Amino acid sequence: MNPFVASVATLAISTIYMVWNAYRQTLRHREQQLRSRVAYMLWMAAQRVDETDEKPLPSVGRKKGGGSRSLRVPVSS
């Protein structure tokens, strides 16, 4: 077998691998950039919610007396 043929085969396999690896890195970069942008968008939305707090919700805690709470369900007549 001619050594040139073996070199051409090795070069072809190496080229295919390099093209595939570059494509894979491009996809990974796009996905990472998308995740970064979504995280930034969520961060900015959370900041806007914090800035526009109109009225805080009342805290739900146990009253001093330790009475039990019951759920009141409206009864239709």
PDB file of N, CA and C in Angstrom:
ATOM      1  N   MET A   1       0.839  -1.178   0.000  1.00  0.00           N
ATOM      2  CA  MET A   1       0.000   0.000   0.000  1.00  0.00           C
ATOM      3  C   MET A   1       0.886   1.244   0.000  1.00  0.00           C
ATOM      4  N   ASN A   2       0.523   2.161  -0.798  1.00  0.00           N
ATOM      5  CA  ASN A   2       1.287   3.394  -0.934  1.00  0.00           C
ATOM      6  C   ASN A   2       1.113   4.255   0.318  1.00  0.00           C
ATOM      7  N   PRO A   3       2.180   4.796   0.909  1.00  0.00           N
ATOM      8  CA  PRO A   3       2.056   5.645   2.105  1.00  0.00           C
ATOM      9  C   PRO A   3       1.229   6.909   1.850  1.00  0.00           C
ATOM     10  N   PHE A   4       1.191   7.341   0.622  1.00  0.00           N
ATOM     11  CA  PHE A   4       0.413   8.534   0.286  1.00  0.00           C
ATOM     12  C   PHE A   4      -1.082   8.297   0.486  1.00  0.00           C
ATOM     13  N   VAL A   5      -1.568   7.088   0.176  1.00  0.00           N
ATOM     14  CA  VAL A   5      -2.983   6.747   0.323  1.00  0.00           C
ATOM     15  C   VAL A   5      -3.361   6.780   1.803  1.00  0.00           C
ATOM     16  N   ALA A   6      -2.510   6.245   2.656  1.00  0.00           N
ATOM     17  CA  ALA A   6      -2.783   6.258   4.097  1.00  0.00           C
ATOM     18  C   ALA A   6      -2.803   7.695   4.625  1.00  0.00           C
ATOM     19  N   SER A   7      -1.942   8.528   4.126  1.00  0.00           N
ATOM     20  CA  SER A   7      -1.904   9.928   4.564  1.00  0.00           C
ATOM     21  C   SER A   7      -3.163  10.681   4.130  1.00  0.00           C
ATOM     22  N   VAL A   8      -3.639  10.396   2.923  1.00  0.00           N
ATOM     23  CA  VAL A   8      -4.848  11.052   2.429  1.00  0.00           C
ATOM     24  C   VAL A   8      -6.053  10.634   3.266  1.00  0.00           C
ATOM     25  N   ALA A   9      -6.134   9.360   3.628  1.00  0.00           N
ATOM     26  CA  ALA A   9      -7.242   8.887   4.455  1.00  0.00           C
ATOM     27  C   ALA A   9      -7.206   9.550   5.832  1.00  0.00           C
ATOM     28  N   THR A  10      -6.030   9.639   6.419  1.00  0.00           N
ATOM     29  CA  THR A  10      -5.880  10.278   7.724  1.00  0.00           C
ATOM     30  C   THR A  10      -6.252  11.757   7.631  1.00  0.00           C
ATOM     31  N   LEU A  11      -5.841  12.406   6.583  1.00  0.00           N
ATOM     32  CA  LEU A  11      -6.164  13.820   6.384  1.00  0.00           C
ATOM     33  C   LEU A  11      -7.671  14.005   6.210  1.00  0.00           C
ATOM     34  N   ALA A  12      -8.328  13.113   5.504  1.00  0.00           N
ATOM     35  CA  ALA A  12      -9.774  13.214   5.302  1.00  0.00           C
ATOM     36  C   ALA A  12     -10.514  13.050   6.627  1.00  0.00           C
ATOM     37  N   ILE A  13     -10.122  12.062   7.416  1.00  0.00           N
ATOM     38  CA  ILE A  13     -10.779  11.849   8.707  1.00  0.00           C
ATOM     39  C   ILE A  13     -10.537  13.035   9.636  1.00  0.00           C
ATOM     40  N   SER A  14      -9.326  13.546   9.646  1.00  0.00           N
ATOM     41  CA  SER A  14      -9.013  14.709  10.485  1.00  0.00           C
ATOM     42  C   SER A  14      -9.815  15.935  10.062  1.00  0.00           C
ATOM     43  N   THR A  15      -9.983  16.123   8.765  1.00  0.00           N
ATOM     44  CA  THR A  15     -10.744  17.264   8.262  1.00  0.00           C
ATOM     45  C   THR A  15     -12.220  17.138   8.643  1.00  0.00           C
ATOM     46  N   ILE A  16     -12.763  15.939   8.501  1.00  0.00           N
ATOM     47  CA  ILE A  16     -14.169  15.725   8.886  1.00  0.00           C
ATOM     48  C   ILE A  16     -14.352  16.011  10.367  1.00  0.00           C
ATOM     49  N   TYR A  17     -13.441  15.527  11.196  1.00  0.00           N
ATOM     50  CA  TYR A  17     -13.546  15.763  12.635  1.00  0.00           C
ATOM     51  C   TYR A  17     -13.438  17.250  12.962  1.00  0.00           C
ATOM     52  N   MET A  18     -12.533  17.954  12.323  1.00  0.00           N
ATOM     53  CA  MET A  18     -12.365  19.392  12.596  1.00  0.00           C
ATOM     54  C   MET A  18     -13.600  20.179  12.191  1.00  0.00           C
ATOM     55  N   VAL A  19     -14.221  19.837  11.072  1.00  0.00           N
ATOM     56  CA  VAL A  19     -15.437  20.521  10.633  1.00  0.00           C
ATOM     57  C   VAL A  19     -16.576  20.231  11.611  1.00  0.00           C
ATOM     58  N   TRP A  20     -16.714  18.972  12.024  1.00  0.00           N
ATOM     59  CA  TRP A  20     -17.764  18.598  12.986  1.00  0.00           C
ATOM     60  C   TRP A  20     -17.559  19.304  14.317  1.00  0.00           C
ATOM     61  N   ASN A  21     -16.320  19.363  14.788  1.00  0.00           N
ATOM     62  CA  ASN A  21     -16.031  20.009  16.062  1.00  0.00           C
ATOM     63  C   ASN A  21     -16.308  21.514  15.993  1.00  0.00           C
ATOM     64  N   ALA A  22     -15.987  22.156  14.890  1.00  0.00           N
ATOM     65  CA  ALA A  22     -16.276  23.586  14.737  1.00  0.00           C
ATOM     66  C   ALA A  22     -17.782  23.826  14.739  1.00  0.00           C
ATOM     67  N   TYR A  23     -18.540  22.958  14.090  1.00  0.00           N
ATOM     68  CA  TYR A  23     -19.997  23.068  14.075  1.00  0.00           C
ATOM     69  C   TYR A  23     -20.567  22.885  15.481  1.00  0.00           C
ATOM     70  N   ARG A  24     -20.053  21.899  16.208  1.00  0.00           N
ATOM     71  CA  ARG A  24     -20.508  21.642  17.575  1.00  0.00           C
ATOM     72  C   ARG A  24     -20.212  22.829  18.482  1.00  0.00           C
ATOM     73  N   GLN A  25     -19.052  23.431  18.343  1.00  0.00           N
ATOM     74  CA  GLN A  25     -18.700  24.603  19.144  1.00  0.00           C
ATOM     75  C   GLN A  25     -19.593  25.790  18.806  1.00  0.00           C
ATOM     76  N   THR A  26     -19.939  25.935  17.533  1.00  0.00           N
ATOM     77  CA  THR A  26     -20.840  27.012  17.127  1.00  0.00           C
ATOM     78  C   THR A  26     -22.210  26.838  17.765  1.00  0.00           C
ATOM     79  N   LEU A  27     -22.727  25.613  17.756  1.00  0.00           N
ATOM     80  CA  LEU A  27     -24.020  25.352  18.400  1.00  0.00           C
ATOM     81  C   LEU A  27     -23.956  25.607  19.897  1.00  0.00           C
ATOM     82  N   ARG A  28     -22.877  25.193  20.536  1.00  0.00           N
ATOM     83  CA  ARG A  28     -22.722  25.408  21.971  1.00  0.00           C
ATOM     84  C   ARG A  28     -22.653  26.896  22.294  1.00  0.00           C
ATOM     85  N   HIS A  29     -21.952  27.654  21.464  1.00  0.00           N
ATOM     86  CA  HIS A  29     -21.852  29.104  21.676  1.00  0.00           C
ATOM     87  C   HIS A  29     -23.220  29.768  21.535  1.00  0.00           C
ATOM     88  N   ARG A  30     -23.987  29.363  20.522  1.00  0.00           N
ATOM     89  CA  ARG A  30     -25.328  29.936  20.333  1.00  0.00           C
ATOM     90  C   ARG A  30     -26.234  29.631  21.526  1.00  0.00           C
ATOM     91  N   GLU A  31     -26.178  28.388  22.010  1.00  0.00           N
ATOM     92  CA  GLU A  31     -27.011  28.004  23.144  1.00  0.00           C
ATOM     93  C   GLU A  31     -26.607  28.768  24.404  1.00  0.00           C
ATOM     94  N   GLN A  32     -25.308  28.925  24.603  1.00  0.00           N
ATOM     95  CA  GLN A  32     -24.825  29.661  25.774  1.00  0.00           C
ATOM     96  C   GLN A  32     -25.237  31.128  25.686  1.00  0.00           C
ATOM     97  N   GLN A  33     -25.154  31.708  24.511  1.00  0.00           N
ATOM     98  CA  GLN A  33     -25.555  33.100  24.332  1.00  0.00           C
ATOM     99  C   GLN A  33     -27.058  33.268  24.570  1.00  0.00           C
ATOM    100  N   LEU A  34     -27.862  32.336  24.086  1.00  0.00           N
ATOM    101  CA  LEU A  34     -29.307  32.386  24.304  1.00  0.00           C
ATOM    102  C   LEU A  34     -29.626  32.288  25.789  1.00  0.00           C
ATOM    103  N   ARG A  35     -28.982  31.346  26.493  1.00  0.00           N
ATOM    104  CA  ARG A  35     -29.210  31.210  27.935  1.00  0.00           C
ATOM    105  C   ARG A  35     -28.819  32.476  28.678  1.00  0.00           C
ATOM    106  N   SER A  36     -27.740  33.081  28.270  1.00  0.00           N
ATOM    107  CA  SER A  36     -27.293  34.319  28.909  1.00  0.00           C
ATOM    108  C   SER A  36     -28.311  35.438  28.688  1.00  0.00           C
ATOM    109  N   ARG A  37     -28.829  35.539  27.489  1.00  0.00           N
ATOM    110  CA  ARG A  37     -29.816  36.583  27.199  1.00  0.00           C
ATOM    111  C   ARG A  37     -31.120  36.368  27.950  1.00  0.00           C
ATOM    112  N   VAL A  38     -31.558  35.109  28.058  1.00  0.00           N
ATOM    113  CA  VAL A  38     -32.785  34.807  28.799  1.00  0.00           C
ATOM    114  C   VAL A  38     -32.591  35.118  30.281  1.00  0.00           C
ATOM    115  N   ALA A  39     -31.427  34.763  30.819  1.00  0.00           N
ATOM    116  CA  ALA A  39     -31.141  35.054  32.225  1.00  0.00           C
ATOM    117  C   ALA A  39     -31.143  36.558  32.469  1.00  0.00           C
ATOM    118  N   TYR A  40     -30.572  37.329  31.557  1.00  0.00           N
ATOM    119  CA  TYR A  40     -30.554  38.784  31.694  1.00  0.00           C
ATOM    120  C   TYR A  40     -31.972  39.349  31.618  1.00  0.00           C
ATOM    121  N   MET A  41     -32.783  38.814  30.695  1.00  0.00           N
ATOM    122  CA  MET A  41     -34.160  39.282  30.562  1.00  0.00           C
ATOM    123  C   MET A  41     -34.943  39.016  31.851  1.00  0.00           C
ATOM    124  N   LEU A  42     -34.776  37.820  32.424  1.00  0.00           N
ATOM    125  CA  LEU A  42     -35.462  37.500  33.676  1.00  0.00           C
ATOM    126  C   LEU A  42     -34.961  38.372  34.818  1.00  0.00           C
ATOM    127  N   TRP A  43     -33.671  38.649  34.840  1.00  0.00           N
ATOM    128  CA  TRP A  43     -33.099  39.511  35.879  1.00  0.00           C
ATOM    129  C   TRP A  43     -33.691  40.918  35.787  1.00  0.00           C
ATOM    130  N   MET A  44     -33.788  41.444  34.581  1.00  0.00           N
ATOM    131  CA  MET A  44     -34.334  42.793  34.407  1.00  0.00           C
ATOM    132  C   MET A  44     -35.826  42.815  34.757  1.00  0.00           C
ATOM    133  N   ALA A  45     -36.563  41.777  34.418  1.00  0.00           N
ATOM    134  CA  ALA A  45     -37.982  41.714  34.771  1.00  0.00           C
ATOM    135  C   ALA A  45     -38.147  41.662  36.284  1.00  0.00           C
ATOM    136  N   ALA A  46     -37.287  40.921  36.963  1.00  0.00           N
ATOM    137  CA  ALA A  46     -37.364  40.858  38.426  1.00  0.00           C
ATOM    138  C   ALA A  46     -37.027  42.204  39.047  1.00  0.00           C
ATOM    139  N   GLN A  47     -36.099  42.922  38.461  1.00  0.00           N
ATOM    140  CA  GLN A  47     -35.744  44.238  38.986  1.00  0.00           C
ATOM    141  C   GLN A  47     -36.913  45.210  38.842  1.00  0.00           C
ATOM    142  N   ARG A  48     -37.618  45.119  37.723  1.00  0.00           N
ATOM    143  CA  ARG A  48     -38.778  46.000  37.516  1.00  0.00           C
ATOM    144  C   ARG A  48     -39.887  45.680  38.502  1.00  0.00           C
ATOM    145  N   VAL A  49     -40.097  44.420  38.801  1.00  0.00           N
ATOM    146  CA  VAL A  49     -41.124  44.029  39.763  1.00  0.00           C
ATOM    147  C   VAL A  49     -40.763  44.579  41.135  1.00  0.00           C
ATOM    148  N   ASP A  50     -39.489  44.502  41.502  1.00  0.00           N
ATOM    149  CA  ASP A  50     -39.052  45.020  42.798  1.00  0.00           C
ATOM    150  C   ASP A  50     -39.241  46.536  42.886  1.00  0.00           C
ATOM    151  N   GLU A  51     -39.019  47.231  41.791  1.00  0.00           N
ATOM    152  CA  GLU A  51     -39.139  48.688  41.791  1.00  0.00           C
ATOM    153  C   GLU A  51     -40.589  49.140  41.879  1.00  0.00           C
ATOM    154  N   THR A  52     -41.507  48.348  41.363  1.00  0.00           N
ATOM    155  CA  THR A  52     -42.905  48.769  41.311  1.00  0.00           C
ATOM    156  C   THR A  52     -43.749  48.087  42.377  1.00  0.00           C
ATOM    157  N   ASP A  53     -43.154  47.743  43.498  1.00  0.00           N
ATOM    158  CA  ASP A  53     -43.938  47.169  44.593  1.00  0.00           C
ATOM    159  C   ASP A  53     -44.954  48.197  45.042  1.00  0.00           C
ATOM    160  N   GLU A  54     -46.208  47.908  44.810  1.00  0.00           N
ATOM    161  CA  GLU A  54     -47.254  48.848  45.186  1.00  0.00           C
ATOM    162  C   GLU A  54     -47.658  48.653  46.637  1.00  0.00           C
ATOM    163  N   LYS A  55     -48.010  47.448  46.978  1.00  0.00           N
ATOM    164  CA  LYS A  55     -48.448  47.175  48.327  1.00  0.00           C
ATOM    165  C   LYS A  55     -47.988  45.761  48.672  1.00  0.00           C
ATOM    166  N   PRO A  56     -47.222  45.610  49.731  1.00  0.00           N
ATOM    167  CA  PRO A  56     -46.782  44.261  50.062  1.00  0.00           C
ATOM    168  C   PRO A  56     -47.947  43.420  50.569  1.00  0.00           C
ATOM    169  N   LEU A  57     -47.888  42.146  50.313  1.00  0.00           N
ATOM    170  CA  LEU A  57     -48.925  41.239  50.773  1.00  0.00           C
ATOM    171  C   LEU A  57     -48.814  41.070  52.282  1.00  0.00           C
ATOM    172  N   PRO A  58     -49.927  40.928  52.962  1.00  0.00           N
ATOM    173  CA  PRO A  58     -49.851  40.735  54.413  1.00  0.00           C
ATOM    174  C   PRO A  58     -49.192  39.398  54.722  1.00  0.00           C
ATOM    175  N   SER A  59     -48.431  39.406  55.802  1.00  0.00           N
ATOM    176  CA  SER A  59     -47.751  38.165  56.159  1.00  0.00           C
ATOM    177  C   SER A  59     -48.740  37.215  56.816  1.00  0.00           C
ATOM    178  N   VAL A  60     -48.575  35.974  56.546  1.00  0.00           N
ATOM    179  CA  VAL A  60     -49.443  34.966  57.130  1.00  0.00           C
ATOM    180  C   VAL A  60     -48.648  34.304  58.239  1.00  0.00           C
ATOM    181  N   GLY A  61     -49.061  34.555  59.458  1.00  0.00           N
ATOM    182  CA  GLY A  61     -48.365  33.972  60.589  1.00  0.00           C
ATOM    183  C   GLY A  61     -49.370  33.512  61.612  1.00  0.00           C
ATOM    184  N   ARG A  62     -48.896  32.836  62.607  1.00  0.00           N
ATOM    185  CA  ARG A  62     -49.771  32.353  63.656  1.00  0.00           C
ATOM    186  C   ARG A  62     -50.092  33.475  64.618  1.00  0.00           C
ATOM    187  N   LYS A  63     -51.335  33.575  64.967  1.00  0.00           N
ATOM    188  CA  LYS A  63     -51.748  34.602  65.925  1.00  0.00           C
ATOM    189  C   LYS A  63     -51.338  34.157  67.321  1.00  0.00           C
ATOM    190  N   LYS A  64     -51.171  35.136  68.187  1.00  0.00           N
ATOM    191  CA  LYS A  64     -50.806  34.797  69.567  1.00  0.00           C
ATOM    192  C   LYS A  64     -51.983  34.137  70.228  1.00  0.00           C
ATOM    193  N   GLY A  65     -52.194  33.188  70.582  1.00  0.00           N
ATOM    194  CA  GLY A  65     -53.336  32.534  71.172  1.00  0.00           C
ATOM    195  C   GLY A  65     -53.353  31.104  70.695  1.00  0.00           C
ATOM    196  N   GLY A  66     -52.670  30.842  69.619  1.00  0.00           N
ATOM    197  CA  GLY A  66     -52.527  29.491  69.123  1.00  0.00           C
ATOM    198  C   GLY A  66     -53.804  28.841  68.669  1.00  0.00           C
ATOM    199  N   GLY A  67     -54.822  29.633  68.344  1.00  0.00           N
ATOM    200  CA  GLY A  67     -56.073  29.057  67.886  1.00  0.00           C
ATOM    201  C   GLY A  67     -55.904  28.395  66.534  1.00  0.00           C
ATOM    202  N   SER A  68     -56.740  27.438  66.268  1.00  0.00           N
ATOM    203  CA  SER A  68     -56.649  26.758  64.978  1.00  0.00           C
ATOM    204  C   SER A  68     -57.393  27.570  63.925  1.00  0.00           C
ATOM    205  N   ARG A  69     -56.917  27.477  62.730  1.00  0.00           N
ATOM    206  CA  ARG A  69     -57.569  28.184  61.625  1.00  0.00           C
ATOM    207  C   ARG A  69     -58.452  27.211  60.893  1.00  0.00           C
ATOM    208  N   SER A  70     -59.566  27.712  60.442  1.00  0.00           N
ATOM    209  CA  SER A  70     -60.422  26.853  59.637  1.00  0.00           C
ATOM    210  C   SER A  70     -60.671  27.557  58.313  1.00  0.00           C
ATOM    211  N   LEU A  71     -60.783  26.773  57.282  1.00  0.00           N
ATOM    212  CA  LEU A  71     -61.017  27.298  55.958  1.00  0.00           C
ATOM    213  C   LEU A  71     -62.513  27.533  55.800  1.00  0.00           C
ATOM    214  N   ARG A  72     -62.876  28.747  55.465  1.00  0.00           N
ATOM    215  CA  ARG A  72     -64.289  29.070  55.286  1.00  0.00           C
ATOM    216  C   ARG A  72     -64.659  28.892  53.841  1.00  0.00           C
ATOM    217  N   VAL A  73     -65.584  28.019  53.609  1.00  0.00           N
ATOM    218  CA  VAL A  73     -66.031  27.722  52.253  1.00  0.00           C
ATOM    219  C   VAL A  73     -67.428  28.257  52.083  1.00  0.00           C
ATOM    220  N   PRO A  74     -67.673  29.112  51.081  1.00  0.00           N
ATOM    221  CA  PRO A  74     -69.021  29.627  50.884  1.00  0.00           C
ATOM    222  C   PRO A  74     -69.978  28.515  50.470  1.00  0.00           C
ATOM    223  N   VAL A  75     -71.135  28.519  51.085  1.00  0.00           N
ATOM    224  CA  VAL A  75     -72.149  27.509  50.801  1.00  0.00           C
ATOM    225  C   VAL A  75     -73.239  28.161  49.954  1.00  0.00           C
ATOM    226  N   SER A  76     -73.525  27.561  48.827  1.00  0.00           N
ATOM    227  CA  SER A  76     -74.553  28.142  47.959  1.00  0.00           C
ATOM    228  C   SER A  76     -75.928  27.610  48.381  1.00  0.00           C
ATOM    229  N   SER A  77     -76.915  28.458  48.348  1.00  0.00           N
ATOM    230  CA  SER A  77     -78.268  28.073  48.773  1.00  0.00           C
ATOM    231  C   SER A  77     -79.097  27.592  47.608  1.00  0.00           C
TER     232      SER A  77
END
